[in-house]
Amino acid sequence: MNVPTSDLLAALAGGLTIGVASSFMLIFSGRIAGISGIIGGLIPPKSGDTDWRFTFLLGLLIGGLALRLLYPAAFPTEIPTSSLGLIAAGLLVGFGTRLGNGCTSGHGVCGIGRTSRRSLVATIVFLATGMLTVFFTHHVFGAA
């Protein structure tokens, strides 16, 4: 597979940005940049702990919106599944993050970076489950 250099550089820049940002968050605030944990801390809200969580999530939304405006080709024009499929996927992801005590950002980016064995195992399970899901949905059940 021949990947354009610009794509490789964009991937490198994105990975470095995520790594540096999550490192800064850990170093300067002692907090892990795990999205499910940040959202989980808002439900129910705890006094004195919601401002930074809300600001972090707002930054994610604004960043996504800015990318959508500046580089619309990064987003698909149609989603190849039904609304029911999206709801089911969201519920399964939510269940998995509760079961795994964290999500791919918390375990995969922050946990592995801290050399956590538990995070390494969780990330391997996340990736293996994702690969099996793609295999079954595309090759066994014949979904698009």
N, C-alpha and C. Protein backbone atom coordinates (compact mmCIF):
# COMPACT_ATOMS: atom_id res chain seq x y z
N MET A 1 0.85 -1.17 0.00
CA MET A 1 0.00 0.00 0.00
C MET A 1 0.90 1.23 0.00
N ASN A 2 0.60 2.15 -0.87
CA ASN A 2 1.39 3.37 -1.02
C ASN A 2 0.63 4.53 -0.38
N VAL A 3 1.10 4.97 0.78
CA VAL A 3 0.44 6.04 1.52
C VAL A 3 1.16 7.35 1.21
N PRO A 4 0.42 8.38 0.80
CA PRO A 4 1.06 9.67 0.51
C PRO A 4 1.79 10.23 1.73
N THR A 5 2.90 10.89 1.49
CA THR A 5 3.70 11.47 2.57
C THR A 5 2.88 12.46 3.39
N SER A 6 2.01 13.22 2.74
CA SER A 6 1.20 14.19 3.49
C SER A 6 0.30 13.50 4.50
N ASP A 7 -0.22 12.32 4.16
CA ASP A 7 -1.05 11.57 5.11
C ASP A 7 -0.22 11.06 6.28
N LEU A 8 0.99 10.61 6.00
CA LEU A 8 1.87 10.14 7.06
C LEU A 8 2.24 11.28 8.01
N LEU A 9 2.53 12.44 7.44
CA LEU A 9 2.88 13.59 8.27
C LEU A 9 1.68 14.06 9.10
N ALA A 10 0.49 14.03 8.53
CA ALA A 10 -0.71 14.41 9.27
C ALA A 10 -0.95 13.44 10.42
N ALA A 11 -0.77 12.15 10.18
CA ALA A 11 -0.94 11.15 11.24
C ALA A 11 0.10 11.35 12.34
N LEU A 12 1.34 11.61 11.95
CA LEU A 12 2.40 11.86 12.92
C LEU A 12 2.10 13.10 13.76
N ALA A 13 1.68 14.17 13.10
CA ALA A 13 1.35 15.41 13.82
C ALA A 13 0.18 15.20 14.77
N GLY A 14 -0.83 14.47 14.32
CA GLY A 14 -1.98 14.19 15.19
C GLY A 14 -1.58 13.36 16.40
N GLY A 15 -0.80 12.32 16.17
CA GLY A 15 -0.36 11.48 17.27
C GLY A 15 0.50 12.23 18.27
N LEU A 16 1.42 13.05 17.76
CA LEU A 16 2.25 13.86 18.65
C LEU A 16 1.41 14.84 19.46
N THR A 17 0.43 15.46 18.81
CA THR A 17 -0.42 16.43 19.51
C THR A 17 -1.21 15.75 20.63
N ILE A 18 -1.78 14.59 20.34
CA ILE A 18 -2.53 13.86 21.37
C ILE A 18 -1.61 13.44 22.51
N GLY A 19 -0.43 12.94 22.17
CA GLY A 19 0.52 12.52 23.19
C GLY A 19 0.98 13.66 24.08
N VAL A 20 1.33 14.78 23.46
CA VAL A 20 1.79 15.94 24.23
C VAL A 20 0.65 16.50 25.10
N ALA A 21 -0.54 16.62 24.52
CA ALA A 21 -1.67 17.17 25.28
C ALA A 21 -2.02 16.28 26.48
N SER A 22 -2.06 14.96 26.28
CA SER A 22 -2.39 14.08 27.39
C SER A 22 -1.28 14.08 28.44
N SER A 23 -0.02 14.20 28.00
CA SER A 23 1.10 14.29 28.94
C SER A 23 1.01 15.57 29.77
N PHE A 24 0.72 16.68 29.11
CA PHE A 24 0.58 17.95 29.83
C PHE A 24 -0.55 17.88 30.85
N MET A 25 -1.65 17.26 30.46
CA MET A 25 -2.77 17.16 31.40
C MET A 25 -2.37 16.36 32.63
N LEU A 26 -1.66 15.27 32.42
CA LEU A 26 -1.22 14.44 33.55
C LEU A 26 -0.18 15.18 34.40
N ILE A 27 0.79 15.80 33.76
CA ILE A 27 1.87 16.47 34.48
C ILE A 27 1.35 17.68 35.27
N PHE A 28 0.52 18.50 34.62
CA PHE A 28 0.13 19.77 35.25
C PHE A 28 -1.12 19.69 36.11
N SER A 29 -1.96 18.68 35.90
CA SER A 29 -3.16 18.59 36.74
C SER A 29 -3.29 17.26 37.46
N GLY A 30 -2.46 16.28 37.08
CA GLY A 30 -2.54 14.97 37.70
C GLY A 30 -3.74 14.17 37.24
N ARG A 31 -4.36 14.58 36.15
CA ARG A 31 -5.57 13.92 35.64
C ARG A 31 -5.28 13.17 34.35
N ILE A 32 -6.03 12.09 34.15
CA ILE A 32 -5.92 11.28 32.95
C ILE A 32 -6.90 11.81 31.91
N ALA A 33 -6.47 11.92 30.67
CA ALA A 33 -7.32 12.42 29.58
C ALA A 33 -8.15 11.29 28.98
N GLY A 34 -8.88 10.59 29.82
CA GLY A 34 -9.78 9.53 29.36
C GLY A 34 -11.19 10.11 29.22
N ILE A 35 -11.73 10.05 28.03
CA ILE A 35 -13.00 10.72 27.75
C ILE A 35 -14.14 10.15 28.57
N SER A 36 -14.21 8.82 28.69
CA SER A 36 -15.33 8.24 29.45
C SER A 36 -15.26 8.64 30.92
N GLY A 37 -14.05 8.74 31.48
CA GLY A 37 -13.92 9.18 32.86
C GLY A 37 -14.28 10.64 33.05
N ILE A 38 -13.93 11.44 32.06
CA ILE A 38 -14.26 12.87 32.13
C ILE A 38 -15.77 13.06 32.05
N ILE A 39 -16.42 12.37 31.12
CA ILE A 39 -17.87 12.46 31.02
C ILE A 39 -18.54 11.86 32.25
N GLY A 40 -18.02 10.71 32.70
CA GLY A 40 -18.58 10.05 33.88
C GLY A 40 -18.54 10.94 35.11
N GLY A 41 -17.54 11.82 35.19
CA GLY A 41 -17.44 12.74 36.31
C GLY A 41 -18.45 13.87 36.25
N LEU A 42 -19.13 14.02 35.12
CA LEU A 42 -20.17 15.04 35.00
C LEU A 42 -21.55 14.49 35.35
N ILE A 43 -21.66 13.16 35.45
CA ILE A 43 -22.96 12.53 35.68
C ILE A 43 -22.85 11.63 36.90
N PRO A 44 -23.35 11.99 38.04
CA PRO A 44 -23.91 13.29 38.41
C PRO A 44 -22.79 14.30 38.67
N PRO A 45 -23.08 15.58 38.46
CA PRO A 45 -22.05 16.59 38.66
C PRO A 45 -21.64 16.69 40.13
N LYS A 46 -20.33 16.91 40.33
CA LYS A 46 -19.80 17.11 41.69
C LYS A 46 -19.33 18.55 41.81
N SER A 47 -19.72 19.20 42.85
CA SER A 47 -19.38 20.60 43.06
C SER A 47 -17.86 20.79 43.03
N GLY A 48 -17.40 21.79 42.28
CA GLY A 48 -15.99 22.11 42.19
C GLY A 48 -15.20 21.26 41.22
N ASP A 49 -15.85 20.28 40.56
CA ASP A 49 -15.13 19.38 39.67
C ASP A 49 -15.69 19.40 38.25
N THR A 50 -16.64 20.27 38.00
CA THR A 50 -17.29 20.24 36.69
C THR A 50 -16.70 21.22 35.68
N ASP A 51 -16.11 22.31 36.14
CA ASP A 51 -15.62 23.33 35.20
C ASP A 51 -14.58 22.78 34.23
N TRP A 52 -13.56 22.13 34.74
CA TRP A 52 -12.50 21.62 33.86
C TRP A 52 -13.03 20.53 32.95
N ARG A 53 -13.94 19.68 33.45
CA ARG A 53 -14.50 18.60 32.63
C ARG A 53 -15.33 19.18 31.48
N PHE A 54 -16.18 20.15 31.80
CA PHE A 54 -17.01 20.78 30.78
C PHE A 54 -16.14 21.49 29.75
N THR A 55 -15.10 22.20 30.21
CA THR A 55 -14.21 22.93 29.30
C THR A 55 -13.47 21.96 28.39
N PHE A 56 -13.01 20.84 28.92
CA PHE A 56 -12.32 19.82 28.12
C PHE A 56 -13.23 19.31 27.02
N LEU A 57 -14.47 18.94 27.39
CA LEU A 57 -15.41 18.44 26.39
C LEU A 57 -15.80 19.50 25.38
N LEU A 58 -15.96 20.73 25.82
CA LEU A 58 -16.25 21.83 24.91
C LEU A 58 -15.11 22.00 23.90
N GLY A 59 -13.87 21.88 24.37
CA GLY A 59 -12.72 21.96 23.47
C GLY A 59 -12.73 20.85 22.43
N LEU A 60 -13.13 19.63 22.83
CA LEU A 60 -13.24 18.54 21.86
C LEU A 60 -14.28 18.86 20.79
N LEU A 61 -15.43 19.37 21.22
CA LEU A 61 -16.49 19.71 20.26
C LEU A 61 -16.07 20.85 19.33
N ILE A 62 -15.45 21.87 19.89
CA ILE A 62 -15.00 23.00 19.07
C ILE A 62 -13.91 22.55 18.09
N GLY A 63 -13.01 21.69 18.55
CA GLY A 63 -11.97 21.17 17.67
C GLY A 63 -12.56 20.37 16.51
N GLY A 64 -13.56 19.54 16.80
CA GLY A 64 -14.23 18.78 15.75
C GLY A 64 -14.96 19.68 14.77
N LEU A 65 -15.63 20.69 15.29
CA LEU A 65 -16.34 21.65 14.44
C LEU A 65 -15.35 22.42 13.56
N ALA A 66 -14.23 22.82 14.14
CA ALA A 66 -13.22 23.55 13.36
C ALA A 66 -12.67 22.67 12.24
N LEU A 67 -12.42 21.40 12.54
CA LEU A 67 -11.95 20.49 11.50
C LEU A 67 -12.99 20.33 10.41
N ARG A 68 -14.24 20.23 10.81
CA ARG A 68 -15.33 20.10 9.83
C ARG A 68 -15.40 21.31 8.89
N LEU A 69 -15.19 22.49 9.45
CA LEU A 69 -15.23 23.71 8.65
C LEU A 69 -13.99 23.87 7.78
N LEU A 70 -12.82 23.52 8.32
CA LEU A 70 -11.57 23.72 7.60
C LEU A 70 -11.22 22.59 6.64
N TYR A 71 -11.68 21.36 6.95
CA TYR A 71 -11.33 20.21 6.13
C TYR A 71 -12.52 19.26 6.05
N PRO A 72 -13.57 19.65 5.32
CA PRO A 72 -14.80 18.84 5.29
C PRO A 72 -14.61 17.44 4.71
N ALA A 73 -13.56 17.23 3.90
CA ALA A 73 -13.33 15.91 3.32
C ALA A 73 -12.98 14.86 4.39
N ALA A 74 -12.65 15.30 5.60
CA ALA A 74 -12.32 14.37 6.68
C ALA A 74 -13.56 13.67 7.22
N PHE A 75 -14.74 14.14 6.85
CA PHE A 75 -15.98 13.58 7.37
C PHE A 75 -16.78 12.93 6.24
N PRO A 76 -17.34 11.75 6.49
CA PRO A 76 -18.14 11.11 5.44
C PRO A 76 -19.43 11.89 5.20
N THR A 77 -19.93 11.80 3.99
CA THR A 77 -21.17 12.50 3.68
C THR A 77 -22.39 11.69 4.11
N GLU A 78 -22.21 10.38 4.23
CA GLU A 78 -23.32 9.57 4.72
C GLU A 78 -22.78 8.49 5.63
N ILE A 79 -23.58 8.08 6.59
CA ILE A 79 -23.18 7.06 7.55
C ILE A 79 -23.76 5.74 7.07
N PRO A 80 -22.91 4.72 6.89
CA PRO A 80 -23.37 3.47 6.28
C PRO A 80 -24.10 2.52 7.23
N THR A 81 -24.90 3.05 8.12
CA THR A 81 -25.71 2.19 8.99
C THR A 81 -26.96 2.95 9.41
N SER A 82 -27.87 2.24 10.02
CA SER A 82 -29.13 2.86 10.43
C SER A 82 -28.98 3.59 11.77
N SER A 83 -29.97 4.38 12.10
CA SER A 83 -29.97 5.06 13.40
C SER A 83 -29.99 4.05 14.53
N LEU A 84 -30.75 2.98 14.34
CA LEU A 84 -30.80 1.92 15.36
C LEU A 84 -29.41 1.29 15.54
N GLY A 85 -28.70 1.09 14.45
CA GLY A 85 -27.34 0.56 14.52
C GLY A 85 -26.41 1.48 15.28
N LEU A 86 -26.54 2.78 15.05
CA LEU A 86 -25.71 3.76 15.75
C LEU A 86 -26.03 3.78 17.25
N ILE A 87 -27.31 3.69 17.59
CA ILE A 87 -27.70 3.68 19.00
C ILE A 87 -27.17 2.43 19.67
N ALA A 88 -27.33 1.28 19.02
CA ALA A 88 -26.82 0.02 19.58
C ALA A 88 -25.31 0.08 19.77
N ALA A 89 -24.59 0.62 18.77
CA ALA A 89 -23.14 0.73 18.87
C ALA A 89 -22.74 1.64 20.03
N GLY A 90 -23.43 2.76 20.18
CA GLY A 90 -23.13 3.67 21.28
C GLY A 90 -23.36 3.04 22.63
N LEU A 91 -24.46 2.29 22.77
CA LEU A 91 -24.74 1.62 24.04
C LEU A 91 -23.69 0.54 24.34
N LEU A 92 -23.28 -0.19 23.31
CA LEU A 92 -22.25 -1.21 23.51
C LEU A 92 -20.91 -0.60 23.89
N VAL A 93 -20.56 0.51 23.26
CA VAL A 93 -19.32 1.19 23.62
C VAL A 93 -19.40 1.70 25.06
N GLY A 94 -20.51 2.29 25.43
CA GLY A 94 -20.70 2.75 26.80
C GLY A 94 -20.60 1.62 27.81
N PHE A 95 -21.23 0.50 27.50
CA PHE A 95 -21.15 -0.67 28.38
C PHE A 95 -19.71 -1.16 28.48
N GLY A 96 -19.01 -1.20 27.36
CA GLY A 96 -17.63 -1.67 27.36
C GLY A 96 -16.70 -0.77 28.16
N THR A 97 -16.92 0.53 28.09
CA THR A 97 -16.05 1.43 28.85
C THR A 97 -16.30 1.30 30.35
N ARG A 98 -17.54 1.02 30.73
CA ARG A 98 -17.82 0.79 32.16
C ARG A 98 -17.21 -0.54 32.60
N LEU A 99 -17.36 -1.55 31.77
CA LEU A 99 -16.82 -2.87 32.08
C LEU A 99 -15.29 -2.84 32.15
N GLY A 100 -14.66 -2.12 31.24
CA GLY A 100 -13.21 -2.04 31.20
C GLY A 100 -12.62 -0.94 32.07
N ASN A 101 -13.47 -0.25 32.80
CA ASN A 101 -13.07 0.85 33.68
C ASN A 101 -12.25 1.90 32.92
N GLY A 102 -12.72 2.24 31.72
CA GLY A 102 -12.06 3.26 30.93
C GLY A 102 -12.24 3.01 29.45
N CYS A 103 -11.80 3.96 28.66
CA CYS A 103 -11.97 3.87 27.21
C CYS A 103 -10.61 3.82 26.52
N THR A 104 -10.63 3.83 25.22
CA THR A 104 -9.38 3.73 24.46
C THR A 104 -8.47 4.93 24.72
N SER A 105 -9.04 6.10 24.94
CA SER A 105 -8.18 7.26 25.20
C SER A 105 -7.53 7.16 26.58
N GLY A 106 -8.28 6.72 27.56
CA GLY A 106 -7.71 6.58 28.91
C GLY A 106 -6.71 5.46 29.00
N HIS A 107 -7.08 4.28 28.49
CA HIS A 107 -6.18 3.13 28.55
C HIS A 107 -5.11 3.19 27.46
N GLY A 108 -5.55 3.40 26.22
CA GLY A 108 -4.62 3.31 25.08
C GLY A 108 -3.60 4.42 25.02
N VAL A 109 -4.01 5.64 25.27
CA VAL A 109 -3.08 6.76 25.17
C VAL A 109 -2.40 7.00 26.52
N CYS A 110 -3.19 7.16 27.55
CA CYS A 110 -2.62 7.54 28.85
C CYS A 110 -2.08 6.34 29.62
N GLY A 111 -2.84 5.26 29.67
CA GLY A 111 -2.42 4.10 30.46
C GLY A 111 -1.18 3.43 29.93
N ILE A 112 -1.15 3.20 28.63
CA ILE A 112 0.04 2.57 28.04
C ILE A 112 1.25 3.50 28.19
N GLY A 113 1.02 4.79 28.05
CA GLY A 113 2.10 5.76 28.24
C GLY A 113 2.66 5.75 29.65
N ARG A 114 1.84 5.33 30.62
CA ARG A 114 2.29 5.22 32.01
C ARG A 114 2.76 3.80 32.33
N THR A 115 2.87 2.96 31.30
CA THR A 115 3.29 1.55 31.40
C THR A 115 2.39 0.72 32.32
N SER A 116 1.09 0.98 32.24
CA SER A 116 0.13 0.21 33.03
C SER A 116 -0.19 -1.10 32.32
N ARG A 117 0.07 -2.23 33.00
CA ARG A 117 -0.25 -3.54 32.41
C ARG A 117 -1.75 -3.69 32.18
N ARG A 118 -2.53 -3.21 33.14
CA ARG A 118 -3.99 -3.28 33.01
C ARG A 118 -4.46 -2.55 31.77
N SER A 119 -3.87 -1.39 31.49
CA SER A 119 -4.24 -0.63 30.30
C SER A 119 -3.79 -1.32 29.02
N LEU A 120 -2.63 -1.97 29.07
CA LEU A 120 -2.17 -2.72 27.91
C LEU A 120 -3.14 -3.85 27.58
N VAL A 121 -3.55 -4.59 28.60
CA VAL A 121 -4.51 -5.68 28.39
C VAL A 121 -5.84 -5.12 27.88
N ALA A 122 -6.33 -4.04 28.49
CA ALA A 122 -7.59 -3.44 28.07
C ALA A 122 -7.52 -2.98 26.61
N THR A 123 -6.41 -2.37 26.21
CA THR A 123 -6.27 -1.90 24.84
C THR A 123 -6.22 -3.06 23.87
N ILE A 124 -5.54 -4.13 24.21
CA ILE A 124 -5.52 -5.32 23.36
C ILE A 124 -6.93 -5.88 23.20
N VAL A 125 -7.68 -5.93 24.29
CA VAL A 125 -9.07 -6.42 24.22
C VAL A 125 -9.92 -5.50 23.36
N PHE A 126 -9.78 -4.16 23.51
CA PHE A 126 -10.54 -3.22 22.68
C PHE A 126 -10.26 -3.46 21.20
N LEU A 127 -8.98 -3.55 20.85
CA LEU A 127 -8.61 -3.72 19.45
C LEU A 127 -9.06 -5.06 18.89
N ALA A 128 -8.89 -6.12 19.67
CA ALA A 128 -9.32 -7.44 19.21
C ALA A 128 -10.83 -7.48 19.02
N THR A 129 -11.57 -6.88 19.93
CA THR A 129 -13.03 -6.83 19.81
C THR A 129 -13.44 -6.04 18.58
N GLY A 130 -12.77 -4.92 18.32
CA GLY A 130 -13.07 -4.13 17.13
C GLY A 130 -12.80 -4.92 15.86
N MET A 131 -11.68 -5.63 15.82
CA MET A 131 -11.36 -6.42 14.63
C MET A 131 -12.38 -7.55 14.42
N LEU A 132 -12.76 -8.22 15.49
CA LEU A 132 -13.77 -9.28 15.38
C LEU A 132 -15.12 -8.71 14.94
N THR A 133 -15.47 -7.55 15.45
CA THR A 133 -16.73 -6.92 15.07
C THR A 133 -16.75 -6.61 13.58
N VAL A 134 -15.66 -6.04 13.07
CA VAL A 134 -15.58 -5.74 11.64
C VAL A 134 -15.65 -7.02 10.83
N PHE A 135 -14.92 -8.04 11.25
CA PHE A 135 -14.93 -9.31 10.52
C PHE A 135 -16.34 -9.88 10.44
N PHE A 136 -17.02 -9.95 11.59
CA PHE A 136 -18.36 -10.54 11.60
C PHE A 136 -19.37 -9.68 10.84
N THR A 137 -19.33 -8.38 11.05
CA THR A 137 -20.33 -7.54 10.38
C THR A 137 -20.12 -7.46 8.87
N HIS A 138 -18.87 -7.51 8.44
CA HIS A 138 -18.61 -7.39 6.98
C HIS A 138 -18.54 -8.73 6.25
N HIS A 139 -18.02 -9.74 6.90
CA HIS A 139 -17.77 -11.00 6.20
C HIS A 139 -18.72 -12.13 6.57
N VAL A 140 -19.24 -12.12 7.78
CA VAL A 140 -20.14 -13.21 8.18
C VAL A 140 -21.60 -12.79 7.97
N PHE A 141 -21.94 -11.59 8.47
CA PHE A 141 -23.33 -11.13 8.35
C PHE A 141 -23.58 -10.33 7.09
N GLY A 142 -22.53 -9.93 6.38
CA GLY A 142 -22.66 -9.27 5.09
C GLY A 142 -23.10 -7.82 5.13
N ALA A 143 -22.90 -7.14 6.25
CA ALA A 143 -23.26 -5.72 6.31
C ALA A 143 -22.24 -4.91 5.51
N ALA A 144 -22.63 -3.70 5.13
CA ALA A 144 -21.73 -2.85 4.33
C ALA A 144 -20.55 -2.39 5.12
